[in-house]
PDB file of N, CA and C in Angstrom:
ATOM      1  N   MET A   1     101.305  55.750 103.449  1.00  0.00           N
ATOM      2  CA  MET A   1     101.133  56.954 102.683  1.00  0.00           C
ATOM      3  C   MET A   1     101.274  56.640 101.194  1.00  0.00           C
ATOM      4  N   SER A   2     102.268  55.850 100.845  1.00  0.00           N
ATOM      5  CA  SER A   2     102.466  55.553  99.426  1.00  0.00           C
ATOM      6  C   SER A   2     101.316  54.733  98.853  1.00  0.00           C
ATOM      7  N   ILE A   3     100.730  53.861  99.662  1.00  0.00           N
ATOM      8  CA  ILE A   3      99.576  53.081  99.193  1.00  0.00           C
ATOM      9  C   ILE A   3      98.397  54.010  98.925  1.00  0.00           C
ATOM     10  N   GLY A   4      98.180  54.959  99.814  1.00  0.00           N
ATOM     11  CA  GLY A   4      97.103  55.927  99.627  1.00  0.00           C
ATOM     12  C   GLY A   4      97.298  56.778  98.391  1.00  0.00           C
ATOM     13  N   LEU A   5      98.529  57.241  98.170  1.00  0.00           N
ATOM     14  CA  LEU A   5      98.805  58.040  96.978  1.00  0.00           C
ATOM     15  C   LEU A   5      98.647  57.209  95.713  1.00  0.00           C
ATOM     16  N   TYR A   6      99.087  55.967  95.777  1.00  0.00           N
ATOM     17  CA  TYR A   6      98.925  55.071  94.625  1.00  0.00           C
ATOM     18  C   TYR A   6      97.447  54.842  94.324  1.00  0.00           C
ATOM     19  N   TRP A   7      96.671  54.677  95.382  1.00  0.00           N
ATOM     20  CA  TRP A   7      95.247  54.427  95.220  1.00  0.00           C
ATOM     21  C   TRP A   7      94.523  55.645  94.648  1.00  0.00           C
ATOM     22  N   LEU A   8      94.932  56.860  95.054  1.00  0.00           N
ATOM     23  CA  LEU A   8      94.249  58.075  94.614  1.00  0.00           C
ATOM     24  C   LEU A   8      94.694  58.566  93.236  1.00  0.00           C
ATOM     25  N   ALA A   9      95.905  58.253  92.847  1.00  0.00           N
ATOM     26  CA  ALA A   9      96.436  58.763  91.581  1.00  0.00           C
ATOM     27  C   ALA A   9      95.691  58.148  90.400  1.00  0.00           C
ATOM     28  N   PRO A  10      95.460  58.950  89.375  1.00  0.00           N
ATOM     29  CA  PRO A  10      94.798  58.423  88.174  1.00  0.00           C
ATOM     30  C   PRO A  10      95.693  57.411  87.443  1.00  0.00           C
ATOM     31  N   GLU A  11      95.088  56.650  86.569  1.00  0.00           N
ATOM     32  CA  GLU A  11      95.827  55.684  85.754  1.00  0.00           C
ATOM     33  C   GLU A  11      96.780  56.418  84.810  1.00  0.00           C
ATOM     34  N   TRP A  12      97.802  55.698  84.353  1.00  0.00           N
ATOM     35  CA  TRP A  12      98.794  56.321  83.472  1.00  0.00           C
ATOM     36  C   TRP A  12      98.176  56.852  82.189  1.00  0.00           C
ATOM     37  N   GLN A  13      97.209  56.140  81.644  1.00  0.00           N
ATOM     38  CA  GLN A  13      96.570  56.600  80.415  1.00  0.00           C
ATOM     39  C   GLN A  13      95.881  57.950  80.636  1.00  0.00           C
ATOM     40  N   ALA A  14      95.279  58.102  81.793  1.00  0.00           N
ATOM     41  CA  ALA A  14      94.630  59.375  82.109  1.00  0.00           C
ATOM     42  C   ALA A  14      95.661  60.493  82.213  1.00  0.00           C
ATOM     43  N   TRP A  15      96.820  60.200  82.827  1.00  0.00           N
ATOM     44  CA  TRP A  15      97.875  61.219  82.931  1.00  0.00           C
ATOM     45  C   TRP A  15      98.294  61.703  81.547  1.00  0.00           C
ATOM     46  N   LEU A  16      98.388  60.775  80.602  1.00  0.00           N
ATOM     47  CA  LEU A  16      98.818  61.146  79.257  1.00  0.00           C
ATOM     48  C   LEU A  16      97.784  62.005  78.540  1.00  0.00           C
ATOM     49  N   GLU A  17      96.528  61.859  78.916  1.00  0.00           N
ATOM     50  CA  GLU A  17      95.465  62.622  78.267  1.00  0.00           C
ATOM     51  C   GLU A  17      95.199  63.956  78.949  1.00  0.00           C
ATOM     52  N   PHE A  18      95.683  64.135  80.173  1.00  0.00           N
ATOM     53  CA  PHE A  18      95.454  65.384  80.908  1.00  0.00           C
ATOM     54  C   PHE A  18      96.186  66.546  80.253  1.00  0.00           C
ATOM     55  N   SER A  19      95.598  67.731  80.398  1.00  0.00           N
ATOM     56  CA  SER A  19      96.296  68.946  79.978  1.00  0.00           C
ATOM     57  C   SER A  19      97.342  69.290  81.042  1.00  0.00           C
ATOM     58  N   LEU A  20      98.176  70.251  80.743  1.00  0.00           N
ATOM     59  CA  LEU A  20      99.214  70.674  81.688  1.00  0.00           C
ATOM     60  C   LEU A  20      98.598  71.121  83.009  1.00  0.00           C
ATOM     61  N   PHE A  21      97.532  71.886  82.951  1.00  0.00           N
ATOM     62  CA  PHE A  21      96.903  72.404  84.172  1.00  0.00           C
ATOM     63  C   PHE A  21      96.264  71.283  85.003  1.00  0.00           C
ATOM     64  N   GLN A  22      95.705  70.295  84.347  1.00  0.00           N
ATOM     65  CA  GLN A  22      95.147  69.155  85.074  1.00  0.00           C
ATOM     66  C   GLN A  22      96.248  68.367  85.774  1.00  0.00           C
ATOM     67  N   ARG A  23      97.382  68.183  85.107  1.00  0.00           N
ATOM     68  CA  ARG A  23      98.500  67.468  85.735  1.00  0.00           C
ATOM     69  C   ARG A  23      99.039  68.229  86.931  1.00  0.00           C
ATOM     70  N   VAL A  24      99.202  69.530  86.765  1.00  0.00           N
ATOM     71  CA  VAL A  24      99.694  70.355  87.870  1.00  0.00           C
ATOM     72  C   VAL A  24      98.718  70.296  89.037  1.00  0.00           C
ATOM     73  N   GLY A  25      97.430  70.352  88.749  1.00  0.00           N
ATOM     74  CA  GLY A  25      96.418  70.273  89.797  1.00  0.00           C
ATOM     75  C   GLY A  25      96.458  68.944  90.533  1.00  0.00           C
ATOM     76  N   TRP A  26      96.541  67.838  89.783  1.00  0.00           N
ATOM     77  CA  TRP A  26      96.587  66.514  90.410  1.00  0.00           C
ATOM     78  C   TRP A  26      97.836  66.340  91.259  1.00  0.00           C
ATOM     79  N   VAL A  27      98.982  66.759  90.723  1.00  0.00           N
ATOM     80  CA  VAL A  27     100.223  66.623  91.481  1.00  0.00           C
ATOM     81  C   VAL A  27     100.153  67.467  92.749  1.00  0.00           C
ATOM     82  N   SER A  28      99.586  68.660  92.661  1.00  0.00           N
ATOM     83  CA  SER A  28      99.445  69.516  93.844  1.00  0.00           C
ATOM     84  C   SER A  28      98.563  68.853  94.900  1.00  0.00           C
ATOM     85  N   VAL A  29      97.467  68.275  94.472  1.00  0.00           N
ATOM     86  CA  VAL A  29      96.574  67.586  95.413  1.00  0.00           C
ATOM     87  C   VAL A  29      97.291  66.402  96.054  1.00  0.00           C
ATOM     88  N   LEU A  30      97.983  65.604  95.255  1.00  0.00           N
ATOM     89  CA  LEU A  30      98.666  64.429  95.789  1.00  0.00           C
ATOM     90  C   LEU A  30      99.793  64.807  96.746  1.00  0.00           C
ATOM     91  N   VAL A  31     100.550  65.847  96.418  1.00  0.00           N
ATOM     92  CA  VAL A  31     101.612  66.306  97.313  1.00  0.00           C
ATOM     93  C   VAL A  31     101.013  66.849  98.607  1.00  0.00           C
ATOM     94  N   GLY A  32      99.934  67.612  98.496  1.00  0.00           N
ATOM     95  CA  GLY A  32      99.269  68.139  99.688  1.00  0.00           C
ATOM     96  C   GLY A  32      98.738  67.038 100.590  1.00  0.00           C
ATOM     97  N   LEU A  33      98.119  66.024  99.996  1.00  0.00           N
ATOM     98  CA  LEU A  33      97.624  64.900 100.789  1.00  0.00           C
ATOM     99  C   LEU A  33      98.768  64.115 101.429  1.00  0.00           C
ATOM    100  N   GLY A  34      99.835  63.925 100.680  1.00  0.00           N
ATOM    101  CA  GLY A  34     100.995  63.237 101.234  1.00  0.00           C
ATOM    102  C   GLY A  34     101.598  64.001 102.409  1.00  0.00           C
ATOM    103  N   ALA A  35     101.719  65.306 102.270  1.00  0.00           N
ATOM    104  CA  ALA A  35     102.246  66.119 103.364  1.00  0.00           C
ATOM    105  C   ALA A  35     101.306  66.096 104.562  1.00  0.00           C
ATOM    106  N   GLY A  36     100.009  66.142 104.311  1.00  0.00           N
ATOM    107  CA  GLY A  36      99.041  66.083 105.393  1.00  0.00           C
ATOM    108  C   GLY A  36      99.127  64.786 106.177  1.00  0.00           C
ATOM    109  N   VAL A  37      99.249  63.669 105.463  1.00  0.00           N
ATOM    110  CA  VAL A  37      99.386  62.369 106.127  1.00  0.00           C
ATOM    111  C   VAL A  37     100.692  62.316 106.914  1.00  0.00           C
ATOM    112  N   TYR A  38     101.763  62.814 106.333  1.00  0.00           N
ATOM    113  CA  TYR A  38     103.069  62.812 106.993  1.00  0.00           C
ATOM    114  C   TYR A  38     103.014  63.574 108.318  1.00  0.00           C
ATOM    115  N   PHE A  39     102.484  64.789 108.281  1.00  0.00           N
ATOM    116  CA  PHE A  39     102.435  65.591 109.502  1.00  0.00           C
ATOM    117  C   PHE A  39     101.415  65.054 110.506  1.00  0.00           C
ATOM    118  N   ALA A  40     100.368  64.421 110.017  1.00  0.00           N
ATOM    119  CA  ALA A  40      99.415  63.783 110.934  1.00  0.00           C
ATOM    120  C   ALA A  40     100.088  62.646 111.690  1.00  0.00           C
ATOM    121  N   TRP A  41     100.896  61.853 111.009  1.00  0.00           N
ATOM    122  CA  TRP A  41     101.627  60.772 111.684  1.00  0.00           C
ATOM    123  C   TRP A  41     102.653  61.325 112.659  1.00  0.00           C
ATOM    124  N   LEU A  42     103.329  62.413 112.282  1.00  0.00           N
ATOM    125  CA  LEU A  42     104.274  63.028 113.222  1.00  0.00           C
ATOM    126  C   LEU A  42     103.553  63.455 114.497  1.00  0.00           C
ATOM    127  N   ALA A  43     102.398  64.077 114.345  1.00  0.00           N
ATOM    128  CA  ALA A  43     101.627  64.512 115.514  1.00  0.00           C
ATOM    129  C   ALA A  43     101.115  63.312 116.300  1.00  0.00           C
ATOM    130  N   ALA A  44     100.693  62.277 115.611  1.00  0.00           N
ATOM    131  CA  ALA A  44     100.175  61.089 116.296  1.00  0.00           C
ATOM    132  C   ALA A  44     101.253  60.400 117.123  1.00  0.00           C
ATOM    133  N   PHE A  45     102.500  60.504 116.676  1.00  0.00           N
ATOM    134  CA  PHE A  45     103.591  59.870 117.409  1.00  0.00           C
ATOM    135  C   PHE A  45     104.292  60.815 118.367  1.00  0.00           C
ATOM    136  N   GLY A  46     103.713  62.005 118.580  1.00  0.00           N
ATOM    137  CA  GLY A  46     104.180  62.868 119.655  1.00  0.00           C
ATOM    138  C   GLY A  46     105.115  63.994 119.280  1.00  0.00           C
ATOM    139  N   LEU A  47     105.444  64.191 118.020  1.00  0.00           N
ATOM    140  CA  LEU A  47     106.305  65.295 117.650  1.00  0.00           C
ATOM    141  C   LEU A  47     105.488  66.578 117.645  1.00  0.00           C
ATOM    142  N   ARG A  48     105.973  67.597 118.290  1.00  0.00           N
ATOM    143  CA  ARG A  48     105.291  68.885 118.353  1.00  0.00           C
ATOM    144  C   ARG A  48     106.133  69.950 117.647  1.00  0.00           C
ATOM    145  N   LEU A  49     105.472  71.017 117.167  1.00  0.00           N
ATOM    146  CA  LEU A  49     106.183  72.083 116.461  1.00  0.00           C
ATOM    147  C   LEU A  49     107.253  72.726 117.337  1.00  0.00           C
ATOM    148  N   LYS A  50     107.016  72.769 118.639  1.00  0.00           N
ATOM    149  CA  LYS A  50     107.985  73.363 119.549  1.00  0.00           C
ATOM    150  C   LYS A  50     109.320  72.609 119.468  1.00  0.00           C
ATOM    151  N   GLN A  51     109.270  71.321 119.210  1.00  0.00           N
ATOM    152  CA  GLN A  51     110.490  70.521 119.119  1.00  0.00           C
ATOM    153  C   GLN A  51     111.273  70.797 117.835  1.00  0.00           C
ATOM    154  N   LEU A  52     110.659  71.388 116.854  1.00  0.00           N
ATOM    155  CA  LEU A  52     111.334  71.674 115.591  1.00  0.00           C
ATOM    156  C   LEU A  52     112.020  73.027 115.575  1.00  0.00           C
ATOM    157  N   LYS A  53     111.758  73.871 116.561  1.00  0.00           N
ATOM    158  CA  LYS A  53     112.374  75.197 116.607  1.00  0.00           C
ATOM    159  C   LYS A  53     113.873  75.070 116.813  1.00  0.00           C
ATOM    160  N   MET A  54     114.591  75.955 116.151  1.00  0.00           N
ATOM    161  CA  MET A  54     116.054  75.950 116.315  1.00  0.00           C
ATOM    162  C   MET A  54     116.409  76.713 117.591  1.00  0.00           C
ATOM    163  N   HIS A  55     117.272  76.131 118.365  1.00  0.00           N
ATOM    164  CA  HIS A  55     117.714  76.756 119.602  1.00  0.00           C
ATOM    165  C   HIS A  55     119.096  77.323 119.384  1.00  0.00           C
ATOM    166  N   SER A  56     119.290  78.565 119.827  1.00  0.00           N
ATOM    167  CA  SER A  56     120.619  79.171 119.663  1.00  0.00           C
ATOM    168  C   SER A  56     121.368  79.249 120.959  1.00  0.00           C
TER     169      SER A  56
END
């Protein structure tokens, strides 16, 4: 996941030139992709949402 995020993230010089809204947009995309990969791996290894429910 970290390799993918590193590969997709813009260069540091580009980050410095981005406006605030561009930075927020890029960070949102990268966080969303990271979360998507994380949950895809959880599903691939057999974790289901039913297992995350709290039991009382």
